[in-house]
Amino acid sequence: MIQFLSATGSASMTETLFTLLPMILIIVFMFILIYLPQKRQDKKDAAMRNSLEIGDQVTTIGGVIGRVVAIKDDTFVLETGADRVKIRFTKSAISSVEKLNMDKAPADKK
């Protein structure tokens, strides 16, 4: 095939380039469509996990809901339910975080 390309000259090279151009455009389009939005989402998830504080309500990827009671480097302890069961998770297991908002807490009535 290489001998065929070299024997026919530059017209064949141009045809080869136009044949490969749609494939190259599809690869670039797939990169833009899939990879870049996923990279943005990964940055948002990392920021959410790094902003975790004690008292935040967390939902894990397994569906466990509870309040954060302790945080270490890569793990946190979640307290669930009225029976106060404490479970240790890695930060990568966080699905969503709801921040504890003290401003909207109801005032004590006297």
PDB file of N, CA and C in Angstrom:
ATOM      1  N   MET A   1       0.820  -1.189   0.000  1.00  0.00           N
ATOM      2  CA  MET A   1       0.000   0.000   0.000  1.00  0.00           C
ATOM      3  C   MET A   1       0.864   1.252   0.000  1.00  0.00           C
ATOM      4  N   ILE A   2       1.983   1.219   0.701  1.00  0.00           N
ATOM      5  CA  ILE A   2       2.876   2.377   0.732  1.00  0.00           C
ATOM      6  C   ILE A   2       3.456   2.627  -0.652  1.00  0.00           C
ATOM      7  N   GLN A   3       3.800   1.569  -1.369  1.00  0.00           N
ATOM      8  CA  GLN A   3       4.317   1.739  -2.716  1.00  0.00           C
ATOM      9  C   GLN A   3       3.250   2.349  -3.618  1.00  0.00           C
ATOM     10  N   PHE A   4       2.007   1.961  -3.415  1.00  0.00           N
ATOM     11  CA  PHE A   4       0.921   2.498  -4.227  1.00  0.00           C
ATOM     12  C   PHE A   4       0.778   4.002  -3.976  1.00  0.00           C
ATOM     13  N   LEU A   5       0.861   4.444  -2.708  1.00  0.00           N
ATOM     14  CA  LEU A   5       0.729   5.859  -2.400  1.00  0.00           C
ATOM     15  C   LEU A   5       1.883   6.664  -2.973  1.00  0.00           C
ATOM     16  N   SER A   6       3.064   6.149  -2.871  1.00  0.00           N
ATOM     17  CA  SER A   6       4.205   6.899  -3.368  1.00  0.00           C
ATOM     18  C   SER A   6       4.229   6.945  -4.900  1.00  0.00           C
ATOM     19  N   ALA A   7       3.682   5.959  -5.554  1.00  0.00           N
ATOM     20  CA  ALA A   7       3.707   5.915  -7.013  1.00  0.00           C
ATOM     21  C   ALA A   7       2.682   6.847  -7.629  1.00  0.00           C
ATOM     22  N   THR A   8       1.544   7.076  -6.962  1.00  0.00           N
ATOM     23  CA  THR A   8       0.490   7.866  -7.583  1.00  0.00           C
ATOM     24  C   THR A   8       0.658   9.362  -7.351  1.00  0.00           C
ATOM     25  N   GLY A   9       1.426   9.783  -6.384  1.00  0.00           N
ATOM     26  CA  GLY A   9       1.699  11.199  -6.232  1.00  0.00           C
ATOM     27  C   GLY A   9       0.833  11.871  -5.185  1.00  0.00           C
ATOM     28  N   SER A  10       0.756  13.216  -5.299  1.00  0.00           N
ATOM     29  CA  SER A  10       0.095  14.016  -4.267  1.00  0.00           C
ATOM     30  C   SER A  10      -1.434  13.961  -4.356  1.00  0.00           C
ATOM     31  N   ALA A  11      -1.998  13.631  -5.493  1.00  0.00           N
ATOM     32  CA  ALA A  11      -3.450  13.546  -5.606  1.00  0.00           C
ATOM     33  C   ALA A  11      -3.988  12.430  -4.716  1.00  0.00           C
ATOM     34  N   SER A  12      -3.280  11.337  -4.651  1.00  0.00           N
ATOM     35  CA  SER A  12      -3.700  10.228  -3.802  1.00  0.00           C
ATOM     36  C   SER A  12      -3.541  10.589  -2.326  1.00  0.00           C
ATOM     37  N   MET A  13      -2.529  11.364  -1.994  1.00  0.00           N
ATOM     38  CA  MET A  13      -2.313  11.788  -0.612  1.00  0.00           C
ATOM     39  C   MET A  13      -3.451  12.704  -0.165  1.00  0.00           C
ATOM     40  N   THR A  14      -3.922  13.545  -1.031  1.00  0.00           N
ATOM     41  CA  THR A  14      -5.054  14.417  -0.723  1.00  0.00           C
ATOM     42  C   THR A  14      -6.318  13.604  -0.521  1.00  0.00           C
ATOM     43  N   GLU A  15      -6.528  12.610  -1.346  1.00  0.00           N
ATOM     44  CA  GLU A  15      -7.692  11.733  -1.183  1.00  0.00           C
ATOM     45  C   GLU A  15      -7.622  10.980   0.131  1.00  0.00           C
ATOM     46  N   THR A  16      -6.460  10.527   0.528  1.00  0.00           N
ATOM     47  CA  THR A  16      -6.281   9.828   1.798  1.00  0.00           C
ATOM     48  C   THR A  16      -6.591  10.763   2.959  1.00  0.00           C
ATOM     49  N   LEU A  17      -6.126  12.004   2.856  1.00  0.00           N
ATOM     50  CA  LEU A  17      -6.394  12.986   3.907  1.00  0.00           C
ATOM     51  C   LEU A  17      -7.893  13.241   4.043  1.00  0.00           C
ATOM     52  N   PHE A  18      -8.593  13.395   2.939  1.00  0.00           N
ATOM     53  CA  PHE A  18     -10.043  13.617   2.995  1.00  0.00           C
ATOM     54  C   PHE A  18     -10.793  12.369   3.469  1.00  0.00           C
ATOM     55  N   THR A  19     -10.219  11.211   3.264  1.00  0.00           N
ATOM     56  CA  THR A  19     -10.832   9.981   3.759  1.00  0.00           C
ATOM     57  C   THR A  19     -10.700   9.885   5.277  1.00  0.00           C
ATOM     58  N   LEU A  20      -9.561  10.300   5.807  1.00  0.00           N
ATOM     59  CA  LEU A  20      -9.323  10.230   7.256  1.00  0.00           C
ATOM     60  C   LEU A  20      -9.917  11.407   8.023  1.00  0.00           C
ATOM     61  N   LEU A  21     -10.204  12.497   7.351  1.00  0.00           N
ATOM     62  CA  LEU A  21     -10.709  13.700   8.020  1.00  0.00           C
ATOM     63  C   LEU A  21     -12.014  13.462   8.796  1.00  0.00           C
ATOM     64  N   PRO A  22     -13.005  12.769   8.266  1.00  0.00           N
ATOM     65  CA  PRO A  22     -14.216  12.527   9.062  1.00  0.00           C
ATOM     66  C   PRO A  22     -13.946  11.724  10.339  1.00  0.00           C
ATOM     67  N   MET A  23     -13.042  10.754  10.267  1.00  0.00           N
ATOM     68  CA  MET A  23     -12.720   9.964  11.452  1.00  0.00           C
ATOM     69  C   MET A  23     -12.039  10.845  12.509  1.00  0.00           C
ATOM     70  N   ILE A  24     -11.155  11.700  12.095  1.00  0.00           N
ATOM     71  CA  ILE A  24     -10.478  12.609  13.028  1.00  0.00           C
ATOM     72  C   ILE A  24     -11.478  13.575  13.653  1.00  0.00           C
ATOM     73  N   LEU A  25     -12.390  14.092  12.866  1.00  0.00           N
ATOM     74  CA  LEU A  25     -13.413  15.006  13.386  1.00  0.00           C
ATOM     75  C   LEU A  25     -14.335  14.303  14.391  1.00  0.00           C
ATOM     76  N   ILE A  26     -14.665  13.057  14.129  1.00  0.00           N
ATOM     77  CA  ILE A  26     -15.515  12.298  15.057  1.00  0.00           C
ATOM     78  C   ILE A  26     -14.793  12.098  16.392  1.00  0.00           C
ATOM     79  N   ILE A  27     -13.500  11.794  16.348  1.00  0.00           N
ATOM     80  CA  ILE A  27     -12.732  11.607  17.578  1.00  0.00           C
ATOM     81  C   ILE A  27     -12.659  12.908  18.375  1.00  0.00           C
ATOM     82  N   VAL A  28     -12.423  14.020  17.707  1.00  0.00           N
ATOM     83  CA  VAL A  28     -12.385  15.315  18.390  1.00  0.00           C
ATOM     84  C   VAL A  28     -13.750  15.654  18.978  1.00  0.00           C
ATOM     85  N   PHE A  29     -14.807  15.398  18.242  1.00  0.00           N
ATOM     86  CA  PHE A  29     -16.162  15.664  18.718  1.00  0.00           C
ATOM     87  C   PHE A  29     -16.490  14.810  19.947  1.00  0.00           C
ATOM     88  N   MET A  30     -16.112  13.533  19.913  1.00  0.00           N
ATOM     89  CA  MET A  30     -16.350  12.651  21.060  1.00  0.00           C
ATOM     90  C   MET A  30     -15.583  13.141  22.283  1.00  0.00           C
ATOM     91  N   PHE A  31     -14.366  13.611  22.091  1.00  0.00           N
ATOM     92  CA  PHE A  31     -13.565  14.139  23.187  1.00  0.00           C
ATOM     93  C   PHE A  31     -14.270  15.336  23.822  1.00  0.00           C
ATOM     94  N   ILE A  32     -14.732  16.253  22.984  1.00  0.00           N
ATOM     95  CA  ILE A  32     -15.404  17.449  23.492  1.00  0.00           C
ATOM     96  C   ILE A  32     -16.727  17.092  24.150  1.00  0.00           C
ATOM     97  N   LEU A  33     -17.455  16.166  23.581  1.00  0.00           N
ATOM     98  CA  LEU A  33     -18.784  15.818  24.072  1.00  0.00           C
ATOM     99  C   LEU A  33     -18.766  14.989  25.357  1.00  0.00           C
ATOM    100  N   ILE A  34     -17.777  14.134  25.519  1.00  0.00           N
ATOM    101  CA  ILE A  34     -17.771  13.205  26.649  1.00  0.00           C
ATOM    102  C   ILE A  34     -16.741  13.574  27.713  1.00  0.00           C
ATOM    103  N   TYR A  35     -15.512  13.784  27.343  1.00  0.00           N
ATOM    104  CA  TYR A  35     -14.430  13.929  28.312  1.00  0.00           C
ATOM    105  C   TYR A  35     -14.483  15.245  29.082  1.00  0.00           C
ATOM    106  N   LEU A  36     -14.663  16.347  28.415  1.00  0.00           N
ATOM    107  CA  LEU A  36     -14.616  17.647  29.086  1.00  0.00           C
ATOM    108  C   LEU A  36     -15.739  17.850  30.111  1.00  0.00           C
ATOM    109  N   PRO A  37     -17.008  17.507  29.816  1.00  0.00           N
ATOM    110  CA  PRO A  37     -18.037  17.630  30.860  1.00  0.00           C
ATOM    111  C   PRO A  37     -17.782  16.713  32.056  1.00  0.00           C
ATOM    112  N   GLN A  38     -17.242  15.536  31.810  1.00  0.00           N
ATOM    113  CA  GLN A  38     -16.936  14.621  32.916  1.00  0.00           C
ATOM    114  C   GLN A  38     -15.830  15.188  33.789  1.00  0.00           C
ATOM    115  N   LYS A  39     -14.864  15.822  33.184  1.00  0.00           N
ATOM    116  CA  LYS A  39     -13.772  16.439  33.942  1.00  0.00           C
ATOM    117  C   LYS A  39     -14.306  17.572  34.819  1.00  0.00           C
ATOM    118  N   ARG A  40     -15.220  18.378  34.284  1.00  0.00           N
ATOM    119  CA  ARG A  40     -15.845  19.447  35.078  1.00  0.00           C
ATOM    120  C   ARG A  40     -16.632  18.874  36.249  1.00  0.00           C
ATOM    121  N   GLN A  41     -17.378  17.800  36.025  1.00  0.00           N
ATOM    122  CA  GLN A  41     -18.160  17.164  37.081  1.00  0.00           C
ATOM    123  C   GLN A  41     -17.241  16.586  38.160  1.00  0.00           C
ATOM    124  N   ASP A  42     -16.121  16.005  37.764  1.00  0.00           N
ATOM    125  CA  ASP A  42     -15.172  15.467  38.731  1.00  0.00           C
ATOM    126  C   ASP A  42     -14.607  16.575  39.619  1.00  0.00           C
ATOM    127  N   LYS A  43     -14.355  17.749  39.049  1.00  0.00           N
ATOM    128  CA  LYS A  43     -13.861  18.879  39.843  1.00  0.00           C
ATOM    129  C   LYS A  43     -14.919  19.344  40.841  1.00  0.00           C
ATOM    130  N   LYS A  44     -16.187  19.379  40.426  1.00  0.00           N
ATOM    131  CA  LYS A  44     -17.271  19.766  41.336  1.00  0.00           C
ATOM    132  C   LYS A  44     -17.413  18.764  42.476  1.00  0.00           C
ATOM    133  N   ASP A  45     -17.321  17.475  42.152  1.00  0.00           N
ATOM    134  CA  ASP A  45     -17.425  16.435  43.175  1.00  0.00           C
ATOM    135  C   ASP A  45     -16.278  16.526  44.175  1.00  0.00           C
ATOM    136  N   ALA A  46     -15.061  16.776  43.686  1.00  0.00           N
ATOM    137  CA  ALA A  46     -13.908  16.897  44.574  1.00  0.00           C
ATOM    138  C   ALA A  46     -14.059  18.105  45.493  1.00  0.00           C
ATOM    139  N   ALA A  47     -14.574  19.211  44.957  1.00  0.00           N
ATOM    140  CA  ALA A  47     -14.796  20.396  45.782  1.00  0.00           C
ATOM    141  C   ALA A  47     -15.859  20.122  46.847  1.00  0.00           C
ATOM    142  N   MET A  48     -16.915  19.384  46.487  1.00  0.00           N
ATOM    143  CA  MET A  48     -17.968  19.041  47.441  1.00  0.00           C
ATOM    144  C   MET A  48     -17.394  18.178  48.563  1.00  0.00           C
ATOM    145  N   ARG A  49     -16.569  17.213  48.218  1.00  0.00           N
ATOM    146  CA  ARG A  49     -15.996  16.316  49.231  1.00  0.00           C
ATOM    147  C   ARG A  49     -14.999  17.045  50.126  1.00  0.00           C
ATOM    148  N   ASN A  50     -14.271  17.997  49.567  1.00  0.00           N
ATOM    149  CA  ASN A  50     -13.292  18.736  50.367  1.00  0.00           C
ATOM    150  C   ASN A  50     -13.941  19.767  51.275  1.00  0.00           C
ATOM    151  N   SER A  51     -15.162  20.187  50.979  1.00  0.00           N
ATOM    152  CA  SER A  51     -15.844  21.182  51.808  1.00  0.00           C
ATOM    153  C   SER A  51     -16.692  20.545  52.906  1.00  0.00           C
ATOM    154  N   LEU A  52     -16.545  19.246  53.103  1.00  0.00           N
ATOM    155  CA  LEU A  52     -17.313  18.521  54.106  1.00  0.00           C
ATOM    156  C   LEU A  52     -16.960  19.023  55.506  1.00  0.00           C
ATOM    157  N   GLU A  53     -17.993  19.273  56.322  1.00  0.00           N
ATOM    158  CA  GLU A  53     -17.803  19.752  57.686  1.00  0.00           C
ATOM    159  C   GLU A  53     -18.631  18.910  58.645  1.00  0.00           C
ATOM    160  N   ILE A  54     -18.249  18.943  59.903  1.00  0.00           N
ATOM    161  CA  ILE A  54     -19.002  18.220  60.928  1.00  0.00           C
ATOM    162  C   ILE A  54     -20.386  18.839  61.044  1.00  0.00           C
ATOM    163  N   GLY A  55     -21.416  18.000  61.068  1.00  0.00           N
ATOM    164  CA  GLY A  55     -22.797  18.452  61.162  1.00  0.00           C
ATOM    165  C   GLY A  55     -23.534  18.462  59.840  1.00  0.00           C
ATOM    166  N   ASP A  56     -22.816  18.326  58.732  1.00  0.00           N
ATOM    167  CA  ASP A  56     -23.465  18.286  57.414  1.00  0.00           C
ATOM    168  C   ASP A  56     -24.248  16.991  57.256  1.00  0.00           C
ATOM    169  N   GLN A  57     -25.361  17.077  56.541  1.00  0.00           N
ATOM    170  CA  GLN A  57     -26.129  15.877  56.227  1.00  0.00           C
ATOM    171  C   GLN A  57     -25.610  15.326  54.905  1.00  0.00           C
ATOM    172  N   VAL A  58     -25.288  14.032  54.899  1.00  0.00           N
ATOM    173  CA  VAL A  58     -24.642  13.400  53.754  1.00  0.00           C
ATOM    174  C   VAL A  58     -25.471  12.211  53.290  1.00  0.00           C
ATOM    175  N   THR A  59     -25.550  12.036  51.972  1.00  0.00           N
ATOM    176  CA  THR A  59     -26.100  10.826  51.372  1.00  0.00           C
ATOM    177  C   THR A  59     -24.945  10.121  50.668  1.00  0.00           C
ATOM    178  N   THR A  60     -24.764   8.836  50.960  1.00  0.00           N
ATOM    179  CA  THR A  60     -23.677   8.089  50.336  1.00  0.00           C
ATOM    180  C   THR A  60     -24.155   7.474  49.024  1.00  0.00           C
ATOM    181  N   ILE A  61     -23.214   6.923  48.277  1.00  0.00           N
ATOM    182  CA  ILE A  61     -23.571   6.285  47.005  1.00  0.00           C
ATOM    183  C   ILE A  61     -24.378   5.019  47.230  1.00  0.00           C
ATOM    184  N   GLY A  62     -24.358   4.497  48.459  1.00  0.00           N
ATOM    185  CA  GLY A  62     -25.152   3.318  48.792  1.00  0.00           C
ATOM    186  C   GLY A  62     -26.529   3.661  49.323  1.00  0.00           C
ATOM    187  N   GLY A  63     -26.814   4.966  49.497  1.00  0.00           N
ATOM    188  CA  GLY A  63     -28.122   5.396  49.955  1.00  0.00           C
ATOM    189  C   GLY A  63     -28.223   5.623  51.450  1.00  0.00           C
ATOM    190  N   VAL A  64     -27.128   5.529  52.177  1.00  0.00           N
ATOM    191  CA  VAL A  64     -27.137   5.771  53.620  1.00  0.00           C
ATOM    192  C   VAL A  64     -27.162   7.275  53.857  1.00  0.00           C
ATOM    193  N   ILE A  65     -28.107   7.722  54.705  1.00  0.00           N
ATOM    194  CA  ILE A  65     -28.258   9.147  55.001  1.00  0.00           C
ATOM    195  C   ILE A  65     -27.960   9.364  56.477  1.00  0.00           C
ATOM    196  N   GLY A  66     -27.180  10.394  56.768  1.00  0.00           N
ATOM    197  CA  GLY A  66     -26.869  10.692  58.157  1.00  0.00           C
ATOM    198  C   GLY A  66     -26.092  11.982  58.290  1.00  0.00           C
ATOM    199  N   ARG A  67     -25.689  12.283  59.520  1.00  0.00           N
ATOM    200  CA  ARG A  67     -24.920  13.495  59.828  1.00  0.00           C
ATOM    201  C   ARG A  67     -23.465  13.127  60.084  1.00  0.00           C
ATOM    202  N   VAL A  68     -22.571  13.988  59.639  1.00  0.00           N
ATOM    203  CA  VAL A  68     -21.142  13.786  59.829  1.00  0.00           C
ATOM    204  C   VAL A  68     -20.789  14.143  61.276  1.00  0.00           C
ATOM    205  N   VAL A  69     -20.102  13.224  61.975  1.00  0.00           N
ATOM    206  CA  VAL A  69     -19.704  13.485  63.356  1.00  0.00           C
ATOM    207  C   VAL A  69     -18.192  13.560  63.522  1.00  0.00           C
ATOM    208  N   ALA A  70     -17.427  13.045  62.572  1.00  0.00           N
ATOM    209  CA  ALA A  70     -15.966  13.118  62.636  1.00  0.00           C
ATOM    210  C   ALA A  70     -15.401  13.049  61.224  1.00  0.00           C
ATOM    211  N   ILE A  71     -14.288  13.746  61.018  1.00  0.00           N
ATOM    212  CA  ILE A  71     -13.637  13.759  59.708  1.00  0.00           C
ATOM    213  C   ILE A  71     -12.146  13.539  59.911  1.00  0.00           C
ATOM    214  N   LYS A  72     -11.579  12.635  59.118  1.00  0.00           N
ATOM    215  CA  LYS A  72     -10.126  12.444  59.081  1.00  0.00           C
ATOM    216  C   LYS A  72      -9.671  12.730  57.656  1.00  0.00           C
ATOM    217  N   ASP A  73      -8.455  12.369  57.319  1.00  0.00           N
ATOM    218  CA  ASP A  73      -7.896  12.698  56.011  1.00  0.00           C
ATOM    219  C   ASP A  73      -8.780  12.255  54.856  1.00  0.00           C
ATOM    220  N   ASP A  74      -9.002  10.956  54.731  1.00  0.00           N
ATOM    221  CA  ASP A  74      -9.754  10.424  53.598  1.00  0.00           C
ATOM    222  C   ASP A  74     -11.049   9.739  54.033  1.00  0.00           C
ATOM    223  N   THR A  75     -11.357   9.779  55.316  1.00  0.00           N
ATOM    224  CA  THR A  75     -12.558   9.107  55.812  1.00  0.00           C
ATOM    225  C   THR A  75     -13.378  10.055  56.675  1.00  0.00           C
ATOM    226  N   PHE A  76     -14.628   9.668  56.896  1.00  0.00           N
ATOM    227  CA  PHE A  76     -15.490  10.412  57.808  1.00  0.00           C
ATOM    228  C   PHE A  76     -16.421   9.424  58.490  1.00  0.00           C
ATOM    229  N   VAL A  77     -16.951   9.831  59.647  1.00  0.00           N
ATOM    230  CA  VAL A  77     -17.869   8.989  60.400  1.00  0.00           C
ATOM    231  C   VAL A  77     -19.253   9.587  60.273  1.00  0.00           C
ATOM    232  N   LEU A  78     -20.214   8.744  59.903  1.00  0.00           N
ATOM    233  CA  LEU A  78     -21.589   9.156  59.676  1.00  0.00           C
ATOM    234  C   LEU A  78     -22.461   8.571  60.770  1.00  0.00           C
ATOM    235  N   GLU A  79     -23.293   9.403  61.375  1.00  0.00           N
ATOM    236  CA  GLU A  79     -24.230   8.957  62.399  1.00  0.00           C
ATOM    237  C   GLU A  79     -25.608   8.900  61.764  1.00  0.00           C
ATOM    238  N   THR A  80     -26.240   7.730  61.847  1.00  0.00           N
ATOM    239  CA  THR A  80     -27.519   7.542  61.175  1.00  0.00           C
ATOM    240  C   THR A  80     -28.626   7.272  62.168  1.00  0.00           C
ATOM    241  N   GLY A  81     -29.816   7.754  61.864  1.00  0.00           N
ATOM    242  CA  GLY A  81     -31.041   7.403  62.574  1.00  0.00           C
ATOM    243  C   GLY A  81     -31.083   7.776  64.042  1.00  0.00           C
ATOM    244  N   ALA A  82     -32.196   7.397  64.659  1.00  0.00           N
ATOM    245  CA  ALA A  82     -32.437   7.702  66.065  1.00  0.00           C
ATOM    246  C   ALA A  82     -31.597   6.824  66.981  1.00  0.00           C
ATOM    247  N   ASP A  83     -31.174   5.657  66.485  1.00  0.00           N
ATOM    248  CA  ASP A  83     -30.374   4.765  67.327  1.00  0.00           C
ATOM    249  C   ASP A  83     -28.898   5.151  67.335  1.00  0.00           C
ATOM    250  N   ARG A  84     -28.530   6.186  66.589  1.00  0.00           N
ATOM    251  CA  ARG A  84     -27.199   6.786  66.576  1.00  0.00           C
ATOM    252  C   ARG A  84     -26.097   5.804  66.191  1.00  0.00           C
ATOM    253  N   VAL A  85     -26.353   4.997  65.199  1.00  0.00           N
ATOM    254  CA  VAL A  85     -25.336   4.076  64.685  1.00  0.00           C
ATOM    255  C   VAL A  85     -24.284   4.896  63.951  1.00  0.00           C
ATOM    256  N   LYS A  86     -23.017   4.612  64.221  1.00  0.00           N
ATOM    257  CA  LYS A  86     -21.922   5.334  63.573  1.00  0.00           C
ATOM    258  C   LYS A  86     -21.207   4.404  62.599  1.00  0.00           C
ATOM    259  N   ILE A  87     -21.043   4.897  61.371  1.00  0.00           N
ATOM    260  CA  ILE A  87     -20.419   4.108  60.308  1.00  0.00           C
ATOM    261  C   ILE A  87     -19.311   4.948  59.690  1.00  0.00           C
ATOM    262  N   ARG A  88     -18.149   4.318  59.450  1.00  0.00           N
ATOM    263  CA  ARG A  88     -17.027   5.017  58.818  1.00  0.00           C
ATOM    264  C   ARG A  88     -17.060   4.770  57.304  1.00  0.00           C
ATOM    265  N   PHE A  89     -16.930   5.845  56.539  1.00  0.00           N
ATOM    266  CA  PHE A  89     -16.910   5.783  55.075  1.00  0.00           C
ATOM    267  C   PHE A  89     -15.691   6.517  54.551  1.00  0.00           C
ATOM    268  N   THR A  90     -15.301   6.222  53.321  1.00  0.00           N
ATOM    269  CA  THR A  90     -14.304   7.050  52.642  1.00  0.00           C
ATOM    270  C   THR A  90     -15.025   8.230  52.005  1.00  0.00           C
ATOM    271  N   LYS A  91     -14.308   9.311  51.787  1.00  0.00           N
ATOM    272  CA  LYS A  91     -14.932  10.499  51.200  1.00  0.00           C
ATOM    273  C   LYS A  91     -15.407  10.247  49.774  1.00  0.00           C
ATOM    274  N   SER A  92     -14.824   9.266  49.108  1.00  0.00           N
ATOM    275  CA  SER A  92     -15.253   8.966  47.742  1.00  0.00           C
ATOM    276  C   SER A  92     -16.643   8.338  47.703  1.00  0.00           C
ATOM    277  N   ALA A  93     -17.182   7.938  48.858  1.00  0.00           N
ATOM    278  CA  ALA A  93     -18.516   7.336  48.916  1.00  0.00           C
ATOM    279  C   ALA A  93     -19.624   8.373  49.028  1.00  0.00           C
ATOM    280  N   ILE A  94     -19.280   9.659  49.051  1.00  0.00           N
ATOM    281  CA  ILE A  94     -20.290  10.713  49.192  1.00  0.00           C
ATOM    282  C   ILE A  94     -20.986  10.943  47.866  1.00  0.00           C
ATOM    283  N   SER A  95     -22.314  10.929  47.908  1.00  0.00           N
ATOM    284  CA  SER A  95     -23.106  11.232  46.724  1.00  0.00           C
ATOM    285  C   SER A  95     -23.567  12.682  46.735  1.00  0.00           C
ATOM    286  N   SER A  96     -24.038  13.158  47.903  1.00  0.00           N
ATOM    287  CA  SER A  96     -24.465  14.553  48.010  1.00  0.00           C
ATOM    288  C   SER A  96     -24.281  15.031  49.444  1.00  0.00           C
ATOM    289  N   VAL A  97     -24.113  16.339  49.580  1.00  0.00           N
ATOM    290  CA  VAL A  97     -23.918  16.966  50.884  1.00  0.00           C
ATOM    291  C   VAL A  97     -24.920  18.096  51.020  1.00  0.00           C
ATOM    292  N   GLU A  98     -25.619  18.113  52.138  1.00  0.00           N
ATOM    293  CA  GLU A  98     -26.519  19.223  52.456  1.00  0.00           C
ATOM    294  C   GLU A  98     -25.916  19.937  53.662  1.00  0.00           C
ATOM    295  N   LYS A  99     -25.515  21.178  53.449  1.00  0.00           N
ATOM    296  CA  LYS A  99     -24.856  21.943  54.503  1.00  0.00           C
ATOM    297  C   LYS A  99     -25.818  22.267  55.622  1.00  0.00           C
ATOM    298  N   LEU A 100     -25.315  22.237  56.848  1.00  0.00           N
ATOM    299  CA  LEU A 100     -26.081  22.627  58.019  1.00  0.00           C
ATOM    300  C   LEU A 100     -26.134  24.145  58.035  1.00  0.00           C
ATOM    301  N   ASN A 101     -27.334  24.723  58.017  1.00  0.00           N
ATOM    302  CA  ASN A 101     -27.493  26.169  57.962  1.00  0.00           C
ATOM    303  C   ASN A 101     -28.045  26.664  59.291  1.00  0.00           C
ATOM    304  N   MET A 102     -27.203  27.281  60.075  1.00  0.00           N
ATOM    305  CA  MET A 102     -27.605  27.753  61.401  1.00  0.00           C
ATOM    306  C   MET A 102     -28.447  29.028  61.322  1.00  0.00           C
ATOM    307  N   ASP A 103     -28.368  29.768  60.219  1.00  0.00           N
ATOM    308  CA  ASP A 103     -29.111  31.028  60.088  1.00  0.00           C
ATOM    309  C   ASP A 103     -30.611  30.794  60.034  1.00  0.00           C
ATOM    310  N   LYS A 104     -31.039  29.702  59.422  1.00  0.00           N
ATOM    311  CA  LYS A 104     -32.463  29.449  59.242  1.00  0.00           C
ATOM    312  C   LYS A 104     -33.051  28.575  60.346  1.00  0.00           C
ATOM    313  N   ALA A 105     -32.262  28.289  61.388  1.00  0.00           N
ATOM    314  CA  ALA A 105     -32.752  27.462  62.478  1.00  0.00           C
ATOM    315  C   ALA A 105     -33.820  28.242  63.244  1.00  0.00           C
ATOM    316  N   PRO A 106     -34.904  27.570  63.657  1.00  0.00           N
ATOM    317  CA  PRO A 106     -35.957  28.280  64.375  1.00  0.00           C
ATOM    318  C   PRO A 106     -35.445  28.744  65.745  1.00  0.00           C
ATOM    319  N   ALA A 107     -35.863  29.945  66.120  1.00  0.00           N
ATOM    320  CA  ALA A 107     -35.451  30.512  67.423  1.00  0.00           C
ATOM    321  C   ALA A 107     -36.239  29.829  68.533  1.00  0.00           C
ATOM    322  N   ASP A 108     -35.622  29.734  69.708  1.00  0.00           N
ATOM    323  CA  ASP A 108     -36.302  29.148  70.862  1.00  0.00           C
ATOM    324  C   ASP A 108     -37.423  30.067  71.321  1.00  0.00           C
ATOM    325  N   LYS A 109     -38.578  29.483  71.560  1.00  0.00           N
ATOM    326  CA  LYS A 109     -39.731  30.261  72.031  1.00  0.00           C
ATOM    327  C   LYS A 109     -39.759  30.228  73.545  1.00  0.00           C
ATOM    328  N   LYS A 110     -40.019  31.384  74.151  1.00  0.00           N
ATOM    329  CA  LYS A 110     -40.065  31.462  75.619  1.00  0.00           C
ATOM    330  C   LYS A 110     -41.453  31.722  76.102  1.00  0.00           C
TER     331      LYS A 110
END
